[in-house]
Amino acid sequence: MCAAREIGALSKAGMAAMAEGNYMNAEFMMHQAIRRAERLGVDTYTAKLKNNFGIILNLQGKKQEAAGYFGEALTTISRTIGTENKLYRVIEANLHDAQAGQA
C-alpha cells in the first residue's frame, strides 16, 4: 500500500474508533497518520489530520491539548492555502469551541 493510502486508512480508522467511543485507539491511529503525513511533507493534509486529532481530544474534554492541535492546523493552512477558504473557517470554529470550553 502506498504511503498516501496508509495515511488515509489510518485517518479513517481513527475517526471510526472515535465514533465508537474508543478514544485511545482513535488517538493512536490519528497520531500515526499525522507522523506519516509529516514525513511525507504534505502540509495541508497534515493540517487536516491535526484538526481531526483536535476533534478527538476535544470530545474527551482535553480542551487545551485540542486547542494546540487546532492552532497548529490553522497556522499551516494560513501558510499553505490562505485564510479565505472553508477548511480554515472549520478549523477556526473548532479552535474557538475548544477555547470556550477552557474558560
PDB file of N, CA and C in Angstrom:
ATOM      1  N   MET A   1       0.855  -1.182   0.000  1.00  0.00           N
ATOM      2  CA  MET A   1       0.000   0.000   0.000  1.00  0.00           C
ATOM      3  C   MET A   1       0.893   1.234   0.000  1.00  0.00           C
ATOM      4  N   CYS A   2       0.557   2.224  -0.813  1.00  0.00           N
ATOM      5  CA  CYS A   2       1.362   3.440  -0.877  1.00  0.00           C
ATOM      6  C   CYS A   2       1.150   4.266   0.394  1.00  0.00           C
ATOM      7  N   ALA A   3       2.076   5.173   0.647  1.00  0.00           N
ATOM      8  CA  ALA A   3       2.051   5.962   1.880  1.00  0.00           C
ATOM      9  C   ALA A   3       0.761   6.774   2.014  1.00  0.00           C
ATOM     10  N   ALA A   4       0.306   7.371   0.914  1.00  0.00           N
ATOM     11  CA  ALA A   4      -0.907   8.189   0.980  1.00  0.00           C
ATOM     12  C   ALA A   4      -2.121   7.346   1.362  1.00  0.00           C
ATOM     13  N   ARG A   5      -2.201   6.141   0.824  1.00  0.00           N
ATOM     14  CA  ARG A   5      -3.331   5.265   1.175  1.00  0.00           C
ATOM     15  C   ARG A   5      -3.252   4.821   2.631  1.00  0.00           C
ATOM     16  N   GLU A   6      -2.030   4.556   3.102  1.00  0.00           N
ATOM     17  CA  GLU A   6      -1.857   4.172   4.508  1.00  0.00           C
ATOM     18  C   GLU A   6      -2.327   5.294   5.427  1.00  0.00           C
ATOM     19  N   ILE A   7      -1.953   6.518   5.097  1.00  0.00           N
ATOM     20  CA  ILE A   7      -2.357   7.667   5.914  1.00  0.00           C
ATOM     21  C   ILE A   7      -3.877   7.792   5.909  1.00  0.00           C
ATOM     22  N   GLY A   8      -4.473   7.668   4.734  1.00  0.00           N
ATOM     23  CA  GLY A   8      -5.926   7.740   4.632  1.00  0.00           C
ATOM     24  C   GLY A   8      -6.615   6.646   5.424  1.00  0.00           C
ATOM     25  N   ALA A   9      -6.067   5.441   5.362  1.00  0.00           N
ATOM     26  CA  ALA A   9      -6.652   4.313   6.096  1.00  0.00           C
ATOM     27  C   ALA A   9      -6.534   4.537   7.608  1.00  0.00           C
ATOM     28  N   LEU A  10      -5.392   5.039   8.051  1.00  0.00           N
ATOM     29  CA  LEU A  10      -5.211   5.321   9.481  1.00  0.00           C
ATOM     30  C   LEU A  10      -6.185   6.403   9.943  1.00  0.00           C
ATOM     31  N   SER A  11      -6.330   7.444   9.134  1.00  0.00           N
ATOM     32  CA  SER A  11      -7.237   8.529   9.484  1.00  0.00           C
ATOM     33  C   SER A  11      -8.672   8.020   9.568  1.00  0.00           C
ATOM     34  N   LYS A  12      -9.077   7.261   8.578  1.00  0.00           N
ATOM     35  CA  LYS A  12     -10.442   6.719   8.554  1.00  0.00           C
ATOM     36  C   LYS A  12     -10.676   5.807   9.758  1.00  0.00           C
ATOM     37  N   ALA A  13      -9.702   4.956  10.066  1.00  0.00           N
ATOM     38  CA  ALA A  13      -9.826   4.057  11.219  1.00  0.00           C
ATOM     39  C   ALA A  13      -9.883   4.848  12.525  1.00  0.00           C
ATOM     40  N   GLY A  14      -9.102   5.920  12.602  1.00  0.00           N
ATOM     41  CA  GLY A  14      -9.112   6.755  13.799  1.00  0.00           C
ATOM     42  C   GLY A  14     -10.448   7.432  14.015  1.00  0.00           C
ATOM     43  N   MET A  15     -11.022   7.946  12.940  1.00  0.00           N
ATOM     44  CA  MET A  15     -12.321   8.613  13.066  1.00  0.00           C
ATOM     45  C   MET A  15     -13.435   7.604  13.360  1.00  0.00           C
ATOM     46  N   ALA A  16     -13.314   6.404  12.808  1.00  0.00           N
ATOM     47  CA  ALA A  16     -14.296   5.352  13.113  1.00  0.00           C
ATOM     48  C   ALA A  16     -14.205   4.952  14.586  1.00  0.00           C
ATOM     49  N   ALA A  17     -12.979   4.827  15.096  1.00  0.00           N
ATOM     50  CA  ALA A  17     -12.794   4.494  16.508  1.00  0.00           C
ATOM     51  C   ALA A  17     -13.381   5.592  17.390  1.00  0.00           C
ATOM     52  N   MET A  18     -13.206   6.843  16.981  1.00  0.00           N
ATOM     53  CA  MET A  18     -13.775   7.962  17.736  1.00  0.00           C
ATOM     54  C   MET A  18     -15.304   7.842  17.779  1.00  0.00           C
ATOM     55  N   ALA A  19     -15.895   7.546  16.628  1.00  0.00           N
ATOM     56  CA  ALA A  19     -17.357   7.424  16.549  1.00  0.00           C
ATOM     57  C   ALA A  19     -17.875   6.307  17.446  1.00  0.00           C
ATOM     58  N   GLU A  20     -17.049   5.290  17.656  1.00  0.00           N
ATOM     59  CA  GLU A  20     -17.417   4.167  18.526  1.00  0.00           C
ATOM     60  C   GLU A  20     -17.112   4.456  19.998  1.00  0.00           C
ATOM     61  N   GLY A  21     -16.489   5.600  20.271  1.00  0.00           N
ATOM     62  CA  GLY A  21     -16.125   5.943  21.640  1.00  0.00           C
ATOM     63  C   GLY A  21     -14.826   5.328  22.106  1.00  0.00           C
ATOM     64  N   ASN A  22     -14.076   4.736  21.194  1.00  0.00           N
ATOM     65  CA  ASN A  22     -12.785   4.131  21.518  1.00  0.00           C
ATOM     66  C   ASN A  22     -11.690   5.184  21.317  1.00  0.00           C
ATOM     67  N   TYR A  23     -11.612   6.119  22.255  1.00  0.00           N
ATOM     68  CA  TYR A  23     -10.738   7.274  22.096  1.00  0.00           C
ATOM     69  C   TYR A  23      -9.249   6.931  22.125  1.00  0.00           C
ATOM     70  N   MET A  24      -8.886   5.938  22.908  1.00  0.00           N
ATOM     71  CA  MET A  24      -7.475   5.555  22.963  1.00  0.00           C
ATOM     72  C   MET A  24      -7.004   5.089  21.582  1.00  0.00           C
ATOM     73  N   ASN A  25      -7.787   4.242  20.956  1.00  0.00           N
ATOM     74  CA  ASN A  25      -7.441   3.748  19.621  1.00  0.00           C
ATOM     75  C   ASN A  25      -7.510   4.881  18.594  1.00  0.00           C
ATOM     76  N   ALA A  26      -8.497   5.750  18.737  1.00  0.00           N
ATOM     77  CA  ALA A  26      -8.642   6.880  17.821  1.00  0.00           C
ATOM     78  C   ALA A  26      -7.412   7.781  17.885  1.00  0.00           C
ATOM     79  N   GLU A  27      -6.962   8.082  19.087  1.00  0.00           N
ATOM     80  CA  GLU A  27      -5.760   8.913  19.253  1.00  0.00           C
ATOM     81  C   GLU A  27      -4.543   8.235  18.636  1.00  0.00           C
ATOM     82  N   PHE A  28      -4.388   6.949  18.892  1.00  0.00           N
ATOM     83  CA  PHE A  28      -3.237   6.220  18.368  1.00  0.00           C
ATOM     84  C   PHE A  28      -3.208   6.252  16.836  1.00  0.00           C
ATOM     85  N   MET A  29      -4.338   5.916  16.225  1.00  0.00           N
ATOM     86  CA  MET A  29      -4.409   5.880  14.756  1.00  0.00           C
ATOM     87  C   MET A  29      -4.142   7.256  14.150  1.00  0.00           C
ATOM     88  N   MET A  30      -4.762   8.278  14.733  1.00  0.00           N
ATOM     89  CA  MET A  30      -4.595   9.617  14.177  1.00  0.00           C
ATOM     90  C   MET A  30      -3.170  10.117  14.372  1.00  0.00           C
ATOM     91  N   HIS A  31      -2.583   9.800  15.496  1.00  0.00           N
ATOM     92  CA  HIS A  31      -1.189  10.205  15.736  1.00  0.00           C
ATOM     93  C   HIS A  31      -0.266   9.554  14.706  1.00  0.00           C
ATOM     94  N   GLN A  32      -0.504   8.297  14.411  1.00  0.00           N
ATOM     95  CA  GLN A  32       0.294   7.601  13.391  1.00  0.00           C
ATOM     96  C   GLN A  32       0.103   8.260  12.024  1.00  0.00           C
ATOM     97  N   ALA A  33      -1.125   8.610  11.692  1.00  0.00           N
ATOM     98  CA  ALA A  33      -1.402   9.262  10.406  1.00  0.00           C
ATOM     99  C   ALA A  33      -0.668  10.601  10.320  1.00  0.00           C
ATOM    100  N   ILE A  34      -0.694  11.381  11.392  1.00  0.00           N
ATOM    101  CA  ILE A  34      -0.018  12.680  11.414  1.00  0.00           C
ATOM    102  C   ILE A  34       1.484  12.504  11.215  1.00  0.00           C
ATOM    103  N   ARG A  35       2.076  11.572  11.937  1.00  0.00           N
ATOM    104  CA  ARG A  35       3.526  11.346  11.812  1.00  0.00           C
ATOM    105  C   ARG A  35       3.915  10.986  10.387  1.00  0.00           C
ATOM    106  N   ARG A  36       3.142  10.126   9.768  1.00  0.00           N
ATOM    107  CA  ARG A  36       3.448   9.714   8.390  1.00  0.00           C
ATOM    108  C   ARG A  36       3.254  10.863   7.409  1.00  0.00           C
ATOM    109  N   ALA A  37       2.218  11.639   7.599  1.00  0.00           N
ATOM    110  CA  ALA A  37       1.975  12.785   6.710  1.00  0.00           C
ATOM    111  C   ALA A  37       3.080  13.830   6.862  1.00  0.00           C
ATOM    112  N   GLU A  38       3.529  14.044   8.095  1.00  0.00           N
ATOM    113  CA  GLU A  38       4.631  14.989   8.320  1.00  0.00           C
ATOM    114  C   GLU A  38       5.901  14.518   7.613  1.00  0.00           C
ATOM    115  N   ARG A  39       6.163  13.224   7.678  1.00  0.00           N
ATOM    116  CA  ARG A  39       7.351  12.682   6.994  1.00  0.00           C
ATOM    117  C   ARG A  39       7.263  12.865   5.487  1.00  0.00           C
ATOM    118  N   LEU A  40       6.067  12.781   4.937  1.00  0.00           N
ATOM    119  CA  LEU A  40       5.882  12.971   3.501  1.00  0.00           C
ATOM    120  C   LEU A  40       5.944  14.444   3.106  1.00  0.00           C
ATOM    121  N   GLY A  41       5.745  15.331   4.079  1.00  0.00           N
ATOM    122  CA  GLY A  41       5.779  16.758   3.794  1.00  0.00           C
ATOM    123  C   GLY A  41       4.523  17.282   3.130  1.00  0.00           C
ATOM    124  N   VAL A  42       3.401  16.625   3.378  1.00  0.00           N
ATOM    125  CA  VAL A  42       2.128  17.070   2.814  1.00  0.00           C
ATOM    126  C   VAL A  42       1.432  17.944   3.859  1.00  0.00           C
ATOM    127  N   ASP A  43       1.803  19.207   3.860  1.00  0.00           N
ATOM    128  CA  ASP A  43       1.407  20.115   4.938  1.00  0.00           C
ATOM    129  C   ASP A  43      -0.099  20.316   5.073  1.00  0.00           C
ATOM    130  N   THR A  44      -0.787  20.536   3.964  1.00  0.00           N
ATOM    131  CA  THR A  44      -2.226  20.776   4.055  1.00  0.00           C
ATOM    132  C   THR A  44      -2.950  19.547   4.592  1.00  0.00           C
ATOM    133  N   TYR A  45      -2.546  18.381   4.138  1.00  0.00           N
ATOM    134  CA  TYR A  45      -3.158  17.143   4.626  1.00  0.00           C
ATOM    135  C   TYR A  45      -2.829  16.928   6.100  1.00  0.00           C
ATOM    136  N   THR A  46      -1.599  17.247   6.479  1.00  0.00           N
ATOM    137  CA  THR A  46      -1.206  17.142   7.887  1.00  0.00           C
ATOM    138  C   THR A  46      -2.088  18.047   8.741  1.00  0.00           C
ATOM    139  N   ALA A  47      -2.376  19.248   8.250  1.00  0.00           N
ATOM    140  CA  ALA A  47      -3.249  20.168   8.989  1.00  0.00           C
ATOM    141  C   ALA A  47      -4.648  19.584   9.155  1.00  0.00           C
ATOM    142  N   LYS A  48      -5.169  18.951   8.120  1.00  0.00           N
ATOM    143  CA  LYS A  48      -6.490  18.312   8.224  1.00  0.00           C
ATOM    144  C   LYS A  48      -6.468  17.214   9.287  1.00  0.00           C
ATOM    145  N   LEU A  49      -5.399  16.436   9.306  1.00  0.00           N
ATOM    146  CA  LEU A  49      -5.278  15.367  10.299  1.00  0.00           C
ATOM    147  C   LEU A  49      -5.176  15.932  11.709  1.00  0.00           C
ATOM    148  N   LYS A  50      -4.432  17.038  11.856  1.00  0.00           N
ATOM    149  CA  LYS A  50      -4.321  17.663  13.180  1.00  0.00           C
ATOM    150  C   LYS A  50      -5.675  18.203  13.632  1.00  0.00           C
ATOM    151  N   ASN A  51      -6.467  18.702  12.692  1.00  0.00           N
ATOM    152  CA  ASN A  51      -7.816  19.130  13.029  1.00  0.00           C
ATOM    153  C   ASN A  51      -8.623  17.941  13.544  1.00  0.00           C
ATOM    154  N   ASN A  52      -8.543  16.811  12.851  1.00  0.00           N
ATOM    155  CA  ASN A  52      -9.263  15.615  13.292  1.00  0.00           C
ATOM    156  C   ASN A  52      -8.792  15.154  14.664  1.00  0.00           C
ATOM    157  N   PHE A  53      -7.482  15.211  14.893  1.00  0.00           N
ATOM    158  CA  PHE A  53      -6.936  14.825  16.188  1.00  0.00           C
ATOM    159  C   PHE A  53      -7.478  15.764  17.265  1.00  0.00           C
ATOM    160  N   GLY A  54      -7.544  17.054  16.944  1.00  0.00           N
ATOM    161  CA  GLY A  54      -8.107  18.019  17.878  1.00  0.00           C
ATOM    162  C   GLY A  54      -9.555  17.704  18.219  1.00  0.00           C
ATOM    163  N   ILE A  55     -10.308  17.270  17.226  1.00  0.00           N
ATOM    164  CA  ILE A  55     -11.711  16.903  17.466  1.00  0.00           C
ATOM    165  C   ILE A  55     -11.786  15.740  18.451  1.00  0.00           C
ATOM    166  N   ILE A  56     -10.934  14.747  18.246  1.00  0.00           N
ATOM    167  CA  ILE A  56     -10.898  13.587  19.145  1.00  0.00           C
ATOM    168  C   ILE A  56     -10.583  14.030  20.575  1.00  0.00           C
ATOM    169  N   LEU A  57      -9.596  14.897  20.719  1.00  0.00           N
ATOM    170  CA  LEU A  57      -9.210  15.385  22.046  1.00  0.00           C
ATOM    171  C   LEU A  57     -10.324  16.230  22.665  1.00  0.00           C
ATOM    172  N   ASN A  58     -10.923  17.091  21.865  1.00  0.00           N
ATOM    173  CA  ASN A  58     -11.969  17.979  22.356  1.00  0.00           C
ATOM    174  C   ASN A  58     -13.166  17.191  22.875  1.00  0.00           C
ATOM    175  N   LEU A  59     -13.529  16.123  22.173  1.00  0.00           N
ATOM    176  CA  LEU A  59     -14.649  15.288  22.614  1.00  0.00           C
ATOM    177  C   LEU A  59     -14.393  14.643  23.970  1.00  0.00           C
ATOM    178  N   GLN A  60     -13.114  14.477  24.296  1.00  0.00           N
ATOM    179  CA  GLN A  60     -12.753  13.874  25.587  1.00  0.00           C
ATOM    180  C   GLN A  60     -12.595  14.909  26.687  1.00  0.00           C
ATOM    181  N   GLY A  61     -12.790  16.178  26.338  1.00  0.00           N
ATOM    182  CA  GLY A  61     -12.624  17.240  27.325  1.00  0.00           C
ATOM    183  C   GLY A  61     -11.200  17.718  27.468  1.00  0.00           C
ATOM    184  N   LYS A  62     -10.315  17.271  26.599  1.00  0.00           N
ATOM    185  CA  LYS A  62      -8.916  17.710  26.619  1.00  0.00           C
ATOM    186  C   LYS A  62      -8.797  18.988  25.796  1.00  0.00           C
ATOM    187  N   LYS A  63      -9.455  20.045  26.303  1.00  0.00           N
ATOM    188  CA  LYS A  63      -9.624  21.294  25.562  1.00  0.00           C
ATOM    189  C   LYS A  63      -8.305  21.992  25.233  1.00  0.00           C
ATOM    190  N   GLN A  64      -7.402  22.077  26.190  1.00  0.00           N
ATOM    191  CA  GLN A  64      -6.146  22.788  25.966  1.00  0.00           C
ATOM    192  C   GLN A  64      -5.295  22.075  24.918  1.00  0.00           C
ATOM    193  N   GLU A  65      -5.206  20.773  25.017  1.00  0.00           N
ATOM    194  CA  GLU A  65      -4.442  19.999  24.047  1.00  0.00           C
ATOM    195  C   GLU A  65      -5.083  20.089  22.659  1.00  0.00           C
ATOM    196  N   ALA A  66      -6.411  20.030  22.619  1.00  0.00           N
ATOM    197  CA  ALA A  66      -7.138  20.158  21.354  1.00  0.00           C
ATOM    198  C   ALA A  66      -6.860  21.515  20.720  1.00  0.00           C
ATOM    199  N   ALA A  67      -6.914  22.568  21.532  1.00  0.00           N
ATOM    200  CA  ALA A  67      -6.662  23.916  21.022  1.00  0.00           C
ATOM    201  C   ALA A  67      -5.266  24.020  20.413  1.00  0.00           C
ATOM    202  N   GLY A  68      -4.305  23.333  20.999  1.00  0.00           N
ATOM    203  CA  GLY A  68      -2.951  23.328  20.448  1.00  0.00           C
ATOM    204  C   GLY A  68      -2.914  22.735  19.048  1.00  0.00           C
ATOM    205  N   TYR A  69      -3.605  21.630  18.857  1.00  0.00           N
ATOM    206  CA  TYR A  69      -3.641  20.997  17.537  1.00  0.00           C
ATOM    207  C   TYR A  69      -4.415  21.842  16.531  1.00  0.00           C
ATOM    208  N   PHE A  70      -5.522  22.431  16.970  1.00  0.00           N
ATOM    209  CA  PHE A  70      -6.274  23.313  16.073  1.00  0.00           C
ATOM    210  C   PHE A  70      -5.418  24.520  15.675  1.00  0.00           C
ATOM    211  N   GLY A  71      -4.696  25.074  16.640  1.00  0.00           N
ATOM    212  CA  GLY A  71      -3.828  26.222  16.359  1.00  0.00           C
ATOM    213  C   GLY A  71      -2.739  25.885  15.353  1.00  0.00           C
ATOM    214  N   GLU A  72      -2.108  24.724  15.526  1.00  0.00           N
ATOM    215  CA  GLU A  72      -1.080  24.285  14.573  1.00  0.00           C
ATOM    216  C   GLU A  72      -1.679  24.120  13.181  1.00  0.00           C
ATOM    217  N   ALA A  73      -2.853  23.545  13.121  1.00  0.00           N
ATOM    218  CA  ALA A  73      -3.513  23.333  11.833  1.00  0.00           C
ATOM    219  C   ALA A  73      -3.829  24.670  11.166  1.00  0.00           C
ATOM    220  N   LEU A  74      -4.317  25.634  11.944  1.00  0.00           N
ATOM    221  CA  LEU A  74      -4.626  26.950  11.386  1.00  0.00           C
ATOM    222  C   LEU A  74      -3.383  27.641  10.843  1.00  0.00           C
ATOM    223  N   THR A  75      -2.302  27.557  11.585  1.00  0.00           N
ATOM    224  CA  THR A  75      -1.045  28.172  11.135  1.00  0.00           C
ATOM    225  C   THR A  75      -0.615  27.580   9.802  1.00  0.00           C
ATOM    226  N   THR A  76      -0.683  26.271   9.704  1.00  0.00           N
ATOM    227  CA  THR A  76      -0.287  25.593   8.463  1.00  0.00           C
ATOM    228  C   THR A  76      -1.201  25.977   7.309  1.00  0.00           C
ATOM    229  N   ILE A  77      -2.502  25.962   7.542  1.00  0.00           N
ATOM    230  CA  ILE A  77      -3.453  26.285   6.477  1.00  0.00           C
ATOM    231  C   ILE A  77      -3.263  27.722   6.006  1.00  0.00           C
ATOM    232  N   SER A  78      -3.084  28.642   6.938  1.00  0.00           N
ATOM    233  CA  SER A  78      -2.909  30.038   6.525  1.00  0.00           C
ATOM    234  C   SER A  78      -1.633  30.202   5.696  1.00  0.00           C
ATOM    235  N   ARG A  79      -0.613  29.418   6.004  1.00  0.00           N
ATOM    236  CA  ARG A  79       0.646  29.478   5.259  1.00  0.00           C
ATOM    237  C   ARG A  79       0.532  28.805   3.895  1.00  0.00           C
ATOM    238  N   THR A  80      -0.201  27.718   3.797  1.00  0.00           N
ATOM    239  CA  THR A  80      -0.221  26.939   2.555  1.00  0.00           C
ATOM    240  C   THR A  80      -1.317  27.362   1.584  1.00  0.00           C
ATOM    241  N   ILE A  81      -2.537  27.578   2.088  1.00  0.00           N
ATOM    242  CA  ILE A  81      -3.613  27.927   1.152  1.00  0.00           C
ATOM    243  C   ILE A  81      -4.350  29.207   1.532  1.00  0.00           C
ATOM    244  N   GLY A  82      -3.955  29.858   2.617  1.00  0.00           N
ATOM    245  CA  GLY A  82      -4.555  31.122   2.997  1.00  0.00           C
ATOM    246  C   GLY A  82      -5.700  30.972   3.987  1.00  0.00           C
ATOM    247  N   THR A  83      -6.351  32.088   4.243  1.00  0.00           N
ATOM    248  CA  THR A  83      -7.405  32.120   5.261  1.00  0.00           C
ATOM    249  C   THR A  83      -8.806  32.241   4.673  1.00  0.00           C
ATOM    250  N   GLU A  84      -8.898  32.454   3.388  1.00  0.00           N
ATOM    251  CA  GLU A  84     -10.207  32.628   2.745  1.00  0.00           C
ATOM    252  C   GLU A  84     -10.677  31.315   2.116  1.00  0.00           C
ATOM    253  N   ASN A  85     -10.902  30.323   2.965  1.00  0.00           N
ATOM    254  CA  ASN A  85     -11.360  29.027   2.466  1.00  0.00           C
ATOM    255  C   ASN A  85     -12.142  28.316   3.566  1.00  0.00           C
ATOM    256  N   LYS A  86     -12.912  27.330   3.155  1.00  0.00           N
ATOM    257  CA  LYS A  86     -13.780  26.597   4.089  1.00  0.00           C
ATOM    258  C   LYS A  86     -12.982  25.856   5.154  1.00  0.00           C
ATOM    259  N   LEU A  87     -11.872  25.236   4.764  1.00  0.00           N
ATOM    260  CA  LEU A  87     -11.073  24.474   5.724  1.00  0.00           C
ATOM    261  C   LEU A  87     -10.591  25.374   6.858  1.00  0.00           C
ATOM    262  N   TYR A  88     -10.099  26.553   6.522  1.00  0.00           N
ATOM    263  CA  TYR A  88      -9.640  27.482   7.549  1.00  0.00           C
ATOM    264  C   TYR A  88     -10.787  27.826   8.505  1.00  0.00           C
ATOM    265  N   ARG A  89     -11.954  28.131   7.946  1.00  0.00           N
ATOM    266  CA  ARG A  89     -13.100  28.519   8.781  1.00  0.00           C
ATOM    267  C   ARG A  89     -13.552  27.368   9.694  1.00  0.00           C
ATOM    268  N   VAL A  90     -13.521  26.146   9.193  1.00  0.00           N
ATOM    269  CA  VAL A  90     -13.919  24.990  10.010  1.00  0.00           C
ATOM    270  C   VAL A  90     -12.948  24.804  11.180  1.00  0.00           C
ATOM    271  N   ILE A  91     -11.668  24.860  10.880  1.00  0.00           N
ATOM    272  CA  ILE A  91     -10.660  24.672  11.939  1.00  0.00           C
ATOM    273  C   ILE A  91     -10.732  25.822  12.938  1.00  0.00           C
ATOM    274  N   GLU A  92     -10.946  27.035  12.443  1.00  0.00           N
ATOM    275  CA  GLU A  92     -11.063  28.199  13.321  1.00  0.00           C
ATOM    276  C   GLU A  92     -12.252  28.035  14.277  1.00  0.00           C
ATOM    277  N   ALA A  93     -13.375  27.539  13.766  1.00  0.00           N
ATOM    278  CA  ALA A  93     -14.547  27.307  14.621  1.00  0.00           C
ATOM    279  C   ALA A  93     -14.247  26.233  15.663  1.00  0.00           C
ATOM    280  N   ASN A  94     -13.519  25.186  15.264  1.00  0.00           N
ATOM    281  CA  ASN A  94     -13.133  24.148  16.223  1.00  0.00           C
ATOM    282  C   ASN A  94     -12.228  24.712  17.312  1.00  0.00           C
ATOM    283  N   LEU A  95     -11.301  25.583  16.927  1.00  0.00           N
ATOM    284  CA  LEU A  95     -10.414  26.219  17.901  1.00  0.00           C
ATOM    285  C   LEU A  95     -11.214  27.062  18.882  1.00  0.00           C
ATOM    286  N   HIS A  96     -12.136  27.853  18.371  1.00  0.00           N
ATOM    287  CA  HIS A  96     -12.955  28.690  19.256  1.00  0.00           C
ATOM    288  C   HIS A  96     -13.776  27.838  20.220  1.00  0.00           C
ATOM    289  N   ASP A  97     -14.292  26.709  19.741  1.00  0.00           N
ATOM    290  CA  ASP A  97     -15.051  25.795  20.589  1.00  0.00           C
ATOM    291  C   ASP A  97     -14.178  25.254  21.720  1.00  0.00           C
ATOM    292  N   ALA A  98     -12.967  24.844  21.381  1.00  0.00           N
ATOM    293  CA  ALA A  98     -12.057  24.304  22.398  1.00  0.00           C
ATOM    294  C   ALA A  98     -11.665  25.385  23.406  1.00  0.00           C
ATOM    295  N   GLN A  99     -11.416  26.589  22.913  1.00  0.00           N
ATOM    296  CA  GLN A  99     -11.022  27.685  23.809  1.00  0.00           C
ATOM    297  C   GLN A  99     -12.176  28.083  24.714  1.00  0.00           C
ATOM    298  N   ALA A 100     -13.395  28.067  24.211  1.00  0.00           N
ATOM    299  CA  ALA A 100     -14.563  28.405  25.030  1.00  0.00           C
ATOM    300  C   ALA A 100     -14.731  27.396  26.147  1.00  0.00           C
ATOM    301  N   GLY A 101     -14.386  26.157  25.897  1.00  0.00           N
ATOM    302  CA  GLY A 101     -14.506  25.104  26.892  1.00  0.00           C
ATOM    303  C   GLY A 101     -13.468  25.193  27.988  1.00  0.00           C
ATOM    304  N   GLN A 102     -12.428  26.008  27.777  1.00  0.00           N
ATOM    305  CA  GLN A 102     -11.367  26.149  28.777  1.00  0.00           C
ATOM    306  C   GLN A 102     -11.718  27.198  29.817  1.00  0.00           C
ATOM    307  N   ALA A 103     -12.658  28.066  29.483  1.00  0.00           N
ATOM    308  CA  ALA A 103     -12.987  29.185  30.380  1.00  0.00           C
ATOM    309  C   ALA A 103     -13.722  28.749  31.620  1.00  0.00           C
TER     310      ALA A 103
END
